[in-house]
Amino acid sequence: LASPEEVQRIAGYPAGAIPPFAHLNSLT
């Protein structure tokens, strides 16, 4: 499981609020 810091760094959103798309990096 990604840590809250990793979530923020990779997806660009706070953990728990990640949308399914529109991330900082395109995610598999």
mmCIF file of all heavy atoms, coordinates in Angstrom:
data_MODEL
# 
_entry.id   MODEL 
# 
loop_
_atom_site.group_PDB 
_atom_site.id 
_atom_site.type_symbol 
_atom_site.label_atom_id 
_atom_site.label_alt_id 
_atom_site.label_comp_id 
_atom_site.label_asym_id 
_atom_site.label_entity_id 
_atom_site.label_seq_id 
_atom_site.pdbx_PDB_ins_code 
_atom_site.Cartn_x 
_atom_site.Cartn_y 
_atom_site.Cartn_z 
_atom_site.occupancy 
_atom_site.B_iso_or_equiv 
_atom_site.pdbx_formal_charge 
_atom_site.auth_seq_id 
_atom_site.auth_comp_id 
_atom_site.auth_asym_id 
_atom_site.auth_atom_id 
_atom_site.pdbx_PDB_model_num 
ATOM 1   N N   . LEU A 1 1  ? 0.859   -1.167 0.000   1.00 0.00 ? 1  LEU A N   1 
ATOM 2   C CA  . LEU A 1 1  ? 0.000   0.000  0.000   1.00 0.00 ? 1  LEU A CA  1 
ATOM 3   C C   . LEU A 1 1  ? 0.907   1.232  0.000   1.00 0.00 ? 1  LEU A C   1 
ATOM 4   O O   . LEU A 1 1  ? 1.848   1.303  0.789   1.00 0.00 ? 1  LEU A O   1 
ATOM 5   C CB  . LEU A 1 1  ? -0.840  -0.035 1.277   1.00 0.00 ? 1  LEU A CB  1 
ATOM 6   C CG  . LEU A 1 1  ? -2.085  0.817  1.326   1.00 0.00 ? 1  LEU A CG  1 
ATOM 7   C CD1 . LEU A 1 1  ? -3.011  0.502  0.162   1.00 0.00 ? 1  LEU A CD1 1 
ATOM 8   C CD2 . LEU A 1 1  ? -2.809  0.547  2.641   1.00 0.00 ? 1  LEU A CD2 1 
ATOM 9   N N   . ALA A 1 2  ? 0.639   2.187  -0.887  1.00 0.00 ? 2  ALA A N   1 
ATOM 10  C CA  . ALA A 1 2  ? 1.460   3.404  -0.914  1.00 0.00 ? 2  ALA A CA  1 
ATOM 11  C C   . ALA A 1 2  ? 1.200   4.217  0.353   1.00 0.00 ? 2  ALA A C   1 
ATOM 12  O O   . ALA A 1 2  ? 0.069   4.291  0.832   1.00 0.00 ? 2  ALA A O   1 
ATOM 13  C CB  . ALA A 1 2  ? 1.119   4.224  -2.151  1.00 0.00 ? 2  ALA A CB  1 
ATOM 14  N N   . SER A 1 3  ? 2.232   4.825  0.885   1.00 0.00 ? 3  SER A N   1 
ATOM 15  C CA  . SER A 1 3  ? 2.076   5.670  2.074   1.00 0.00 ? 3  SER A CA  1 
ATOM 16  C C   . SER A 1 3  ? 1.419   6.985  1.645   1.00 0.00 ? 3  SER A C   1 
ATOM 17  O O   . SER A 1 3  ? 1.443   7.331  0.461   1.00 0.00 ? 3  SER A O   1 
ATOM 18  C CB  . SER A 1 3  ? 3.453   5.982  2.654   1.00 0.00 ? 3  SER A CB  1 
ATOM 19  O OG  . SER A 1 3  ? 4.141   6.860  1.770   1.00 0.00 ? 3  SER A OG  1 
ATOM 20  N N   . PRO A 1 4  ? 0.845   7.735  2.608   1.00 0.00 ? 4  PRO A N   1 
ATOM 21  C CA  . PRO A 1 4  ? 0.248   9.027  2.259   1.00 0.00 ? 4  PRO A CA  1 
ATOM 22  C C   . PRO A 1 4  ? 1.223   9.938  1.493   1.00 0.00 ? 4  PRO A C   1 
ATOM 23  O O   . PRO A 1 4  ? 0.836   10.635 0.565   1.00 0.00 ? 4  PRO A O   1 
ATOM 24  C CB  . PRO A 1 4  ? -0.123  9.624  3.615   1.00 0.00 ? 4  PRO A CB  1 
ATOM 25  C CG  . PRO A 1 4  ? -0.383  8.427  4.477   1.00 0.00 ? 4  PRO A CG  1 
ATOM 26  C CD  . PRO A 1 4  ? 0.596   7.367  4.010   1.00 0.00 ? 4  PRO A CD  1 
ATOM 27  N N   . GLU A 1 5  ? 2.514   9.900  1.863   1.00 0.00 ? 5  GLU A N   1 
ATOM 28  C CA  . GLU A 1 5  ? 3.507   10.728 1.172   1.00 0.00 ? 5  GLU A CA  1 
ATOM 29  C C   . GLU A 1 5  ? 3.661   10.269 -0.271  1.00 0.00 ? 5  GLU A C   1 
ATOM 30  O O   . GLU A 1 5  ? 3.758   11.079 -1.190  1.00 0.00 ? 5  GLU A O   1 
ATOM 31  C CB  . GLU A 1 5  ? 4.879   10.640 1.868   1.00 0.00 ? 5  GLU A CB  1 
ATOM 32  C CG  . GLU A 1 5  ? 4.915   11.192 3.288   1.00 0.00 ? 5  GLU A CG  1 
ATOM 33  C CD  . GLU A 1 5  ? 4.211   10.286 4.309   1.00 0.00 ? 5  GLU A CD  1 
ATOM 34  O OE1 . GLU A 1 5  ? 4.241   9.045  4.149   1.00 0.00 ? 5  GLU A OE1 1 
ATOM 35  O OE2 . GLU A 1 5  ? 3.614   10.830 5.256   1.00 0.00 ? 5  GLU A OE2 1 
ATOM 36  N N   . GLU A 1 6  ? 3.704   8.949  -0.450  1.00 0.00 ? 6  GLU A N   1 
ATOM 37  C CA  . GLU A 1 6  ? 3.854   8.406  -1.805  1.00 0.00 ? 6  GLU A CA  1 
ATOM 38  C C   . GLU A 1 6  ? 2.626   8.727  -2.655  1.00 0.00 ? 6  GLU A C   1 
ATOM 39  O O   . GLU A 1 6  ? 2.747   9.071  -3.828  1.00 0.00 ? 6  GLU A O   1 
ATOM 40  C CB  . GLU A 1 6  ? 4.077   6.886  -1.742  1.00 0.00 ? 6  GLU A CB  1 
ATOM 41  C CG  . GLU A 1 6  ? 5.452   6.532  -1.202  1.00 0.00 ? 6  GLU A CG  1 
ATOM 42  C CD  . GLU A 1 6  ? 5.582   5.065  -0.790  1.00 0.00 ? 6  GLU A CD  1 
ATOM 43  O OE1 . GLU A 1 6  ? 4.584   4.431  -0.387  1.00 0.00 ? 6  GLU A OE1 1 
ATOM 44  O OE2 . GLU A 1 6  ? 6.709   4.549  -0.870  1.00 0.00 ? 6  GLU A OE2 1 
ATOM 45  N N   . VAL A 1 7  ? 1.445   8.619  -2.046  1.00 0.00 ? 7  VAL A N   1 
ATOM 46  C CA  . VAL A 1 7  ? 0.206   8.931  -2.773  1.00 0.00 ? 7  VAL A CA  1 
ATOM 47  C C   . VAL A 1 7  ? 0.257   10.377 -3.275  1.00 0.00 ? 7  VAL A C   1 
ATOM 48  O O   . VAL A 1 7  ? 0.000   10.658 -4.439  1.00 0.00 ? 7  VAL A O   1 
ATOM 49  C CB  . VAL A 1 7  ? -1.032  8.724  -1.863  1.00 0.00 ? 7  VAL A CB  1 
ATOM 50  C CG1 . VAL A 1 7  ? -2.286  9.309  -2.514  1.00 0.00 ? 7  VAL A CG1 1 
ATOM 51  C CG2 . VAL A 1 7  ? -1.228  7.244  -1.580  1.00 0.00 ? 7  VAL A CG2 1 
ATOM 52  N N   . GLN A 1 8  ? 0.629   11.289 -2.382  1.00 0.00 ? 8  GLN A N   1 
ATOM 53  C CA  . GLN A 1 8  ? 0.700   12.707 -2.727  1.00 0.00 ? 8  GLN A CA  1 
ATOM 54  C C   . GLN A 1 8  ? 1.717   12.938 -3.848  1.00 0.00 ? 8  GLN A C   1 
ATOM 55  O O   . GLN A 1 8  ? 1.462   13.663 -4.808  1.00 0.00 ? 8  GLN A O   1 
ATOM 56  C CB  . GLN A 1 8  ? 1.094   13.500 -1.471  1.00 0.00 ? 8  GLN A CB  1 
ATOM 57  C CG  . GLN A 1 8  ? 1.115   15.003 -1.661  1.00 0.00 ? 8  GLN A CG  1 
ATOM 58  C CD  . GLN A 1 8  ? -0.281  15.614 -1.758  1.00 0.00 ? 8  GLN A CD  1 
ATOM 59  O OE1 . GLN A 1 8  ? -1.057  15.544 -0.823  1.00 0.00 ? 8  GLN A OE1 1 
ATOM 60  N NE2 . GLN A 1 8  ? -0.598  16.201 -2.897  1.00 0.00 ? 8  GLN A NE2 1 
ATOM 61  N N   . ARG A 1 9  ? 2.876   12.278 -3.729  1.00 0.00 ? 9  ARG A N   1 
ATOM 62  C CA  . ARG A 1 9  ? 3.949   12.489 -4.701  1.00 0.00 ? 9  ARG A CA  1 
ATOM 63  C C   . ARG A 1 9  ? 3.600   11.887 -6.069  1.00 0.00 ? 9  ARG A C   1 
ATOM 64  O O   . ARG A 1 9  ? 3.853   12.477 -7.111  1.00 0.00 ? 9  ARG A O   1 
ATOM 65  C CB  . ARG A 1 9  ? 5.240   11.856 -4.160  1.00 0.00 ? 9  ARG A CB  1 
ATOM 66  C CG  . ARG A 1 9  ? 6.478   12.098 -5.008  1.00 0.00 ? 9  ARG A CG  1 
ATOM 67  C CD  . ARG A 1 9  ? 7.720   11.620 -4.279  1.00 0.00 ? 9  ARG A CD  1 
ATOM 68  N NE  . ARG A 1 9  ? 7.486   10.302 -3.671  1.00 0.00 ? 9  ARG A NE  1 
ATOM 69  C CZ  . ARG A 1 9  ? 7.855   9.134  -4.181  1.00 0.00 ? 9  ARG A CZ  1 
ATOM 70  N NH1 . ARG A 1 9  ? 8.440   9.074  -5.194  1.00 0.00 ? 9  ARG A NH1 1 
ATOM 71  N NH2 . ARG A 1 9  ? 7.610   7.985  -3.608  1.00 0.00 ? 9  ARG A NH2 1 
ATOM 72  N N   . ILE A 1 10 ? 3.001   10.687 -6.061  1.00 0.00 ? 10 ILE A N   1 
ATOM 73  C CA  . ILE A 1 10 ? 2.743   9.973  -7.316  1.00 0.00 ? 10 ILE A CA  1 
ATOM 74  C C   . ILE A 1 10 ? 1.439   10.432 -7.985  1.00 0.00 ? 10 ILE A C   1 
ATOM 75  O O   . ILE A 1 10 ? 1.405   10.691 -9.178  1.00 0.00 ? 10 ILE A O   1 
ATOM 76  C CB  . ILE A 1 10 ? 2.697   8.449  -7.062  1.00 0.00 ? 10 ILE A CB  1 
ATOM 77  C CG1 . ILE A 1 10 ? 4.080   7.983  -6.585  1.00 0.00 ? 10 ILE A CG1 1 
ATOM 78  C CG2 . ILE A 1 10 ? 2.269   7.688  -8.314  1.00 0.00 ? 10 ILE A CG2 1 
ATOM 79  C CD1 . ILE A 1 10 ? 4.078   6.596  -5.955  1.00 0.00 ? 10 ILE A CD1 1 
ATOM 80  N N   . ALA A 1 11 ? 0.365   10.523 -7.184  1.00 0.00 ? 11 ALA A N   1 
ATOM 81  C CA  . ALA A 1 11 ? -0.940  10.848 -7.765  1.00 0.00 ? 11 ALA A CA  1 
ATOM 82  C C   . ALA A 1 11 ? -1.214  12.353 -7.753  1.00 0.00 ? 11 ALA A C   1 
ATOM 83  O O   . ALA A 1 11 ? -1.939  12.871 -8.593  1.00 0.00 ? 11 ALA A O   1 
ATOM 84  C CB  . ALA A 1 11 ? -2.050  10.105 -7.033  1.00 0.00 ? 11 ALA A CB  1 
ATOM 85  N N   . GLY A 1 12 ? -0.646  13.049 -6.754  1.00 0.00 ? 12 GLY A N   1 
ATOM 86  C CA  . GLY A 1 12 ? -0.850  14.490 -6.668  1.00 0.00 ? 12 GLY A CA  1 
ATOM 87  C C   . GLY A 1 12 ? -2.002  14.903 -5.777  1.00 0.00 ? 12 GLY A C   1 
ATOM 88  O O   . GLY A 1 12 ? -2.332  16.077 -5.685  1.00 0.00 ? 12 GLY A O   1 
ATOM 89  N N   . TYR A 1 13 ? -2.623  13.920 -5.123  1.00 0.00 ? 13 TYR A N   1 
ATOM 90  C CA  . TYR A 1 13 ? -3.772  14.209 -4.252  1.00 0.00 ? 13 TYR A CA  1 
ATOM 91  C C   . TYR A 1 13 ? -3.510  13.638 -2.869  1.00 0.00 ? 13 TYR A C   1 
ATOM 92  O O   . TYR A 1 13 ? -2.753  12.689 -2.721  1.00 0.00 ? 13 TYR A O   1 
ATOM 93  C CB  . TYR A 1 13 ? -5.046  13.559 -4.804  1.00 0.00 ? 13 TYR A CB  1 
ATOM 94  C CG  . TYR A 1 13 ? -5.442  14.083 -6.156  1.00 0.00 ? 13 TYR A CG  1 
ATOM 95  C CD1 . TYR A 1 13 ? -5.019  13.441 -7.311  1.00 0.00 ? 13 TYR A CD1 1 
ATOM 96  C CD2 . TYR A 1 13 ? -6.236  15.220 -6.285  1.00 0.00 ? 13 TYR A CD2 1 
ATOM 97  C CE1 . TYR A 1 13 ? -5.371  13.921 -8.571  1.00 0.00 ? 13 TYR A CE1 1 
ATOM 98  C CE2 . TYR A 1 13 ? -6.594  15.711 -7.538  1.00 0.00 ? 13 TYR A CE2 1 
ATOM 99  C CZ  . TYR A 1 13 ? -6.163  15.060 -8.675  1.00 0.00 ? 13 TYR A CZ  1 
ATOM 100 O OH  . TYR A 1 13 ? -6.506  15.540 -9.901  1.00 0.00 ? 13 TYR A OH  1 
ATOM 101 N N   . PRO A 1 14 ? -4.217  14.172 -1.852  1.00 0.00 ? 14 PRO A N   1 
ATOM 102 C CA  . PRO A 1 14 ? -4.110  13.573 -0.525  1.00 0.00 ? 14 PRO A CA  1 
ATOM 103 C C   . PRO A 1 14 ? -4.696  12.164 -0.528  1.00 0.00 ? 14 PRO A C   1 
ATOM 104 O O   . PRO A 1 14 ? -5.681  11.904 -1.223  1.00 0.00 ? 14 PRO A O   1 
ATOM 105 C CB  . PRO A 1 14 ? -4.923  14.503 0.374   1.00 0.00 ? 14 PRO A CB  1 
ATOM 106 C CG  . PRO A 1 14 ? -5.684  15.414 -0.518  1.00 0.00 ? 14 PRO A CG  1 
ATOM 107 C CD  . PRO A 1 14 ? -5.090  15.356 -1.881  1.00 0.00 ? 14 PRO A CD  1 
ATOM 108 N N   . ALA A 1 15 ? -4.088  11.261 0.224   1.00 0.00 ? 15 ALA A N   1 
ATOM 109 C CA  . ALA A 1 15 ? -4.616  9.897  0.342   1.00 0.00 ? 15 ALA A CA  1 
ATOM 110 C C   . ALA A 1 15 ? -6.040  9.996  0.854   1.00 0.00 ? 15 ALA A C   1 
ATOM 111 O O   . ALA A 1 15 ? -6.345  10.814 1.719   1.00 0.00 ? 15 ALA A O   1 
ATOM 112 C CB  . ALA A 1 15 ? -3.765  9.085  1.307   1.00 0.00 ? 15 ALA A CB  1 
ATOM 113 N N   . GLY A 1 16 ? -6.935  9.191  0.316   1.00 0.00 ? 16 GLY A N   1 
ATOM 114 C CA  . GLY A 1 16 ? -8.321  9.244  0.762   1.00 0.00 ? 16 GLY A CA  1 
ATOM 115 C C   . GLY A 1 16 ? -9.165  10.142 -0.131  1.00 0.00 ? 16 GLY A C   1 
ATOM 116 O O   . GLY A 1 16 ? -10.378 10.097 -0.070  1.00 0.00 ? 16 GLY A O   1 
ATOM 117 N N   . ALA A 1 17 ? -8.515  10.955 -0.972  1.00 0.00 ? 17 ALA A N   1 
ATOM 118 C CA  . ALA A 1 17 ? -9.282  11.828 -1.861  1.00 0.00 ? 17 ALA A CA  1 
ATOM 119 C C   . ALA A 1 17 ? -8.901  11.580 -3.326  1.00 0.00 ? 17 ALA A C   1 
ATOM 120 O O   . ALA A 1 17 ? -9.236  12.367 -4.192  1.00 0.00 ? 17 ALA A O   1 
ATOM 121 C CB  . ALA A 1 17 ? -9.038  13.292 -1.500  1.00 0.00 ? 17 ALA A CB  1 
ATOM 122 N N   . ILE A 1 18 ? -8.162  10.494 -3.568  1.00 0.00 ? 18 ILE A N   1 
ATOM 123 C CA  . ILE A 1 18 ? -7.691  10.240 -4.935  1.00 0.00 ? 18 ILE A CA  1 
ATOM 124 C C   . ILE A 1 18 ? -8.864  10.031 -5.874  1.00 0.00 ? 18 ILE A C   1 
ATOM 125 O O   . ILE A 1 18 ? -9.694  9.165  -5.634  1.00 0.00 ? 18 ILE A O   1 
ATOM 126 C CB  . ILE A 1 18 ? -6.840  8.951  -5.016  1.00 0.00 ? 18 ILE A CB  1 
ATOM 127 C CG1 . ILE A 1 18 ? -5.716  8.929  -4.000  1.00 0.00 ? 18 ILE A CG1 1 
ATOM 128 C CG2 . ILE A 1 18 ? -6.252  8.775  -6.415  1.00 0.00 ? 18 ILE A CG2 1 
ATOM 129 C CD1 . ILE A 1 18 ? -4.819  7.728  -4.171  1.00 0.00 ? 18 ILE A CD1 1 
ATOM 130 N N   . PRO A 1 19 ? -8.918  10.801 -6.948  1.00 0.00 ? 19 PRO A N   1 
ATOM 131 C CA  . PRO A 1 19 ? -9.928  10.514 -7.965  1.00 0.00 ? 19 PRO A CA  1 
ATOM 132 C C   . PRO A 1 19 ? -9.459  9.326  -8.816  1.00 0.00 ? 19 PRO A C   1 
ATOM 133 O O   . PRO A 1 19 ? -8.284  8.958  -8.744  1.00 0.00 ? 19 PRO A O   1 
ATOM 134 C CB  . PRO A 1 19 ? -9.959  11.803 -8.798  1.00 0.00 ? 19 PRO A CB  1 
ATOM 135 C CG  . PRO A 1 19 ? -8.628  12.448 -8.593  1.00 0.00 ? 19 PRO A CG  1 
ATOM 136 C CD  . PRO A 1 19 ? -8.096  11.960 -7.288  1.00 0.00 ? 19 PRO A CD  1 
ATOM 137 N N   . PRO A 1 20 ? -10.345 8.742  -9.615  1.00 0.00 ? 20 PRO A N   1 
ATOM 138 C CA  . PRO A 1 20 ? -9.950  7.582  -10.416 1.00 0.00 ? 20 PRO A CA  1 
ATOM 139 C C   . PRO A 1 20 ? -9.069  7.943  -11.611 1.00 0.00 ? 20 PRO A C   1 
ATOM 140 O O   . PRO A 1 20 ? -8.449  7.082  -12.209 1.00 0.00 ? 20 PRO A O   1 
ATOM 141 C CB  . PRO A 1 20 ? -11.282 7.001  -10.897 1.00 0.00 ? 20 PRO A CB  1 
ATOM 142 C CG  . PRO A 1 20 ? -12.308 8.042  -10.651 1.00 0.00 ? 20 PRO A CG  1 
ATOM 143 C CD  . PRO A 1 20 ? -11.788 8.998  -9.632  1.00 0.00 ? 20 PRO A CD  1 
ATOM 144 N N   . PHE A 1 21 ? -9.018  9.239  -11.952 1.00 0.00 ? 21 PHE A N   1 
ATOM 145 C CA  . PHE A 1 21 ? -8.183  9.696  -13.073 1.00 0.00 ? 21 PHE A CA  1 
ATOM 146 C C   . PHE A 1 21 ? -7.735  11.117 -12.790 1.00 0.00 ? 21 PHE A C   1 
ATOM 147 O O   . PHE A 1 21 ? -7.981  11.632 -11.706 1.00 0.00 ? 21 PHE A O   1 
ATOM 148 C CB  . PHE A 1 21 ? -8.952  9.617  -14.400 1.00 0.00 ? 21 PHE A CB  1 
ATOM 149 C CG  . PHE A 1 21 ? -10.352 10.141 -14.312 1.00 0.00 ? 21 PHE A CG  1 
ATOM 150 C CD1 . PHE A 1 21 ? -10.618 11.499 -14.197 1.00 0.00 ? 21 PHE A CD1 1 
ATOM 151 C CD2 . PHE A 1 21 ? -11.429 9.259  -14.297 1.00 0.00 ? 21 PHE A CD2 1 
ATOM 152 C CE1 . PHE A 1 21 ? -11.915 11.983 -14.090 1.00 0.00 ? 21 PHE A CE1 1 
ATOM 153 C CE2 . PHE A 1 21 ? -12.738 9.731  -14.194 1.00 0.00 ? 21 PHE A CE2 1 
ATOM 154 C CZ  . PHE A 1 21 ? -12.975 11.097 -14.091 1.00 0.00 ? 21 PHE A CZ  1 
ATOM 155 N N   . ALA A 1 22 ? -7.071  11.762 -13.773 1.00 0.00 ? 22 ALA A N   1 
ATOM 156 C CA  . ALA A 1 22 ? -6.565  13.140 -13.616 1.00 0.00 ? 22 ALA A CA  1 
ATOM 157 C C   . ALA A 1 22 ? -5.440  13.205 -12.589 1.00 0.00 ? 22 ALA A C   1 
ATOM 158 O O   . ALA A 1 22 ? -5.372  14.111 -11.778 1.00 0.00 ? 22 ALA A O   1 
ATOM 159 C CB  . ALA A 1 22 ? -7.698  14.110 -13.226 1.00 0.00 ? 22 ALA A CB  1 
ATOM 160 N N   . HIS A 1 23 ? -4.571  12.212 -12.628 1.00 0.00 ? 23 HIS A N   1 
ATOM 161 C CA  . HIS A 1 23 ? -3.452  12.179 -11.685 1.00 0.00 ? 23 HIS A CA  1 
ATOM 162 C C   . HIS A 1 23 ? -2.259  12.939 -12.246 1.00 0.00 ? 23 HIS A C   1 
ATOM 163 O O   . HIS A 1 23 ? -2.206  13.246 -13.431 1.00 0.00 ? 23 HIS A O   1 
ATOM 164 C CB  . HIS A 1 23 ? -3.053  10.730 -11.397 1.00 0.00 ? 23 HIS A CB  1 
ATOM 165 C CG  . HIS A 1 23 ? -4.198  9.872  -10.977 1.00 0.00 ? 23 HIS A CG  1 
ATOM 166 N ND1 . HIS A 1 23 ? -4.625  8.796  -11.707 1.00 0.00 ? 23 HIS A ND1 1 
ATOM 167 C CD2 . HIS A 1 23 ? -5.044  9.977  -9.931  1.00 0.00 ? 23 HIS A CD2 1 
ATOM 168 C CE1 . HIS A 1 23 ? -5.679  8.259  -11.112 1.00 0.00 ? 23 HIS A CE1 1 
ATOM 169 N NE2 . HIS A 1 23 ? -5.957  8.958  -10.041 1.00 0.00 ? 23 HIS A NE2 1 
ATOM 170 N N   . LEU A 1 24 ? -1.302  13.167 -11.373 1.00 0.00 ? 24 LEU A N   1 
ATOM 171 C CA  . LEU A 1 24 ? -0.063  13.845 -11.729 1.00 0.00 ? 24 LEU A CA  1 
ATOM 172 C C   . LEU A 1 24 ? 0.670   13.031 -12.796 1.00 0.00 ? 24 LEU A C   1 
ATOM 173 O O   . LEU A 1 24 ? 1.191   13.573 -13.764 1.00 0.00 ? 24 LEU A O   1 
ATOM 174 C CB  . LEU A 1 24 ? 0.791   13.943 -10.461 1.00 0.00 ? 24 LEU A CB  1 
ATOM 175 C CG  . LEU A 1 24 ? 1.824   15.033 -10.367 1.00 0.00 ? 24 LEU A CG  1 
ATOM 176 C CD1 . LEU A 1 24 ? 1.233   16.375 -10.723 1.00 0.00 ? 24 LEU A CD1 1 
ATOM 177 C CD2 . LEU A 1 24 ? 2.403   15.062 -8.963  1.00 0.00 ? 24 LEU A CD2 1 
ATOM 178 N N   . ASN A 1 25 ? 0.752   11.741 -12.580 1.00 0.00 ? 25 ASN A N   1 
ATOM 179 C CA  . ASN A 1 25 ? 1.372   10.840 -13.552 1.00 0.00 ? 25 ASN A CA  1 
ATOM 180 C C   . ASN A 1 25 ? 0.298   9.888  -14.035 1.00 0.00 ? 25 ASN A C   1 
ATOM 181 O O   . ASN A 1 25 ? -0.624  9.575  -13.299 1.00 0.00 ? 25 ASN A O   1 
ATOM 182 C CB  . ASN A 1 25 ? 2.478   10.020 -12.889 1.00 0.00 ? 25 ASN A CB  1 
ATOM 183 C CG  . ASN A 1 25 ? 3.531   10.913 -12.274 1.00 0.00 ? 25 ASN A CG  1 
ATOM 184 O OD1 . ASN A 1 25 ? 4.257   11.587 -12.979 1.00 0.00 ? 25 ASN A OD1 1 
ATOM 185 N ND2 . ASN A 1 25 ? 3.598   10.943 -10.951 1.00 0.00 ? 25 ASN A ND2 1 
ATOM 186 N N   . SER A 1 26 ? 0.422   9.425  -15.258 1.00 0.00 ? 26 SER A N   1 
ATOM 187 C CA  . SER A 1 26 ? -0.603  8.499  -15.715 1.00 0.00 ? 26 SER A CA  1 
ATOM 188 C C   . SER A 1 26 ? -0.361  7.157  -15.015 1.00 0.00 ? 26 SER A C   1 
ATOM 189 O O   . SER A 1 26 ? 0.776   6.694  -14.922 1.00 0.00 ? 26 SER A O   1 
ATOM 190 C CB  . SER A 1 26 ? -0.552  8.438  -17.243 1.00 0.00 ? 26 SER A CB  1 
ATOM 191 O OG  . SER A 1 26 ? -0.382  7.139  -17.668 1.00 0.00 ? 26 SER A OG  1 
ATOM 192 N N   . LEU A 1 27 ? -1.411  6.594  -14.440 1.00 0.00 ? 27 LEU A N   1 
ATOM 193 C CA  . LEU A 1 27 ? -1.267  5.400  -13.597 1.00 0.00 ? 27 LEU A CA  1 
ATOM 194 C C   . LEU A 1 27 ? -1.906  4.173  -14.237 1.00 0.00 ? 27 LEU A C   1 
ATOM 195 O O   . LEU A 1 27 ? -3.009  4.255  -14.778 1.00 0.00 ? 27 LEU A O   1 
ATOM 196 C CB  . LEU A 1 27 ? -1.947  5.632  -12.238 1.00 0.00 ? 27 LEU A CB  1 
ATOM 197 C CG  . LEU A 1 27 ? -1.363  6.740  -11.362 1.00 0.00 ? 27 LEU A CG  1 
ATOM 198 C CD1 . LEU A 1 27 ? -2.249  6.969  -10.146 1.00 0.00 ? 27 LEU A CD1 1 
ATOM 199 C CD2 . LEU A 1 27 ? 0.050   6.393  -10.925 1.00 0.00 ? 27 LEU A CD2 1 
ATOM 200 N N   . THR A 1 28 ? -1.225  3.056  -14.140 1.00 0.00 ? 28 THR A N   1 
ATOM 201 C CA  . THR A 1 28 ? -1.823  1.779  -14.519 1.00 0.00 ? 28 THR A CA  1 
ATOM 202 C C   . THR A 1 28 ? -2.995  1.552  -13.570 1.00 0.00 ? 28 THR A C   1 
ATOM 203 O O   . THR A 1 28 ? -2.825  1.684  -12.355 1.00 0.00 ? 28 THR A O   1 
ATOM 204 C CB  . THR A 1 28 ? -0.804  0.641  -14.327 1.00 0.00 ? 28 THR A CB  1 
ATOM 205 O OG1 . THR A 1 28 ? 0.333   0.938  -15.136 1.00 0.00 ? 28 THR A OG1 1 
ATOM 206 C CG2 . THR A 1 28 ? -1.397  -0.698 -14.729 1.00 0.00 ? 28 THR A CG2 1 
# 
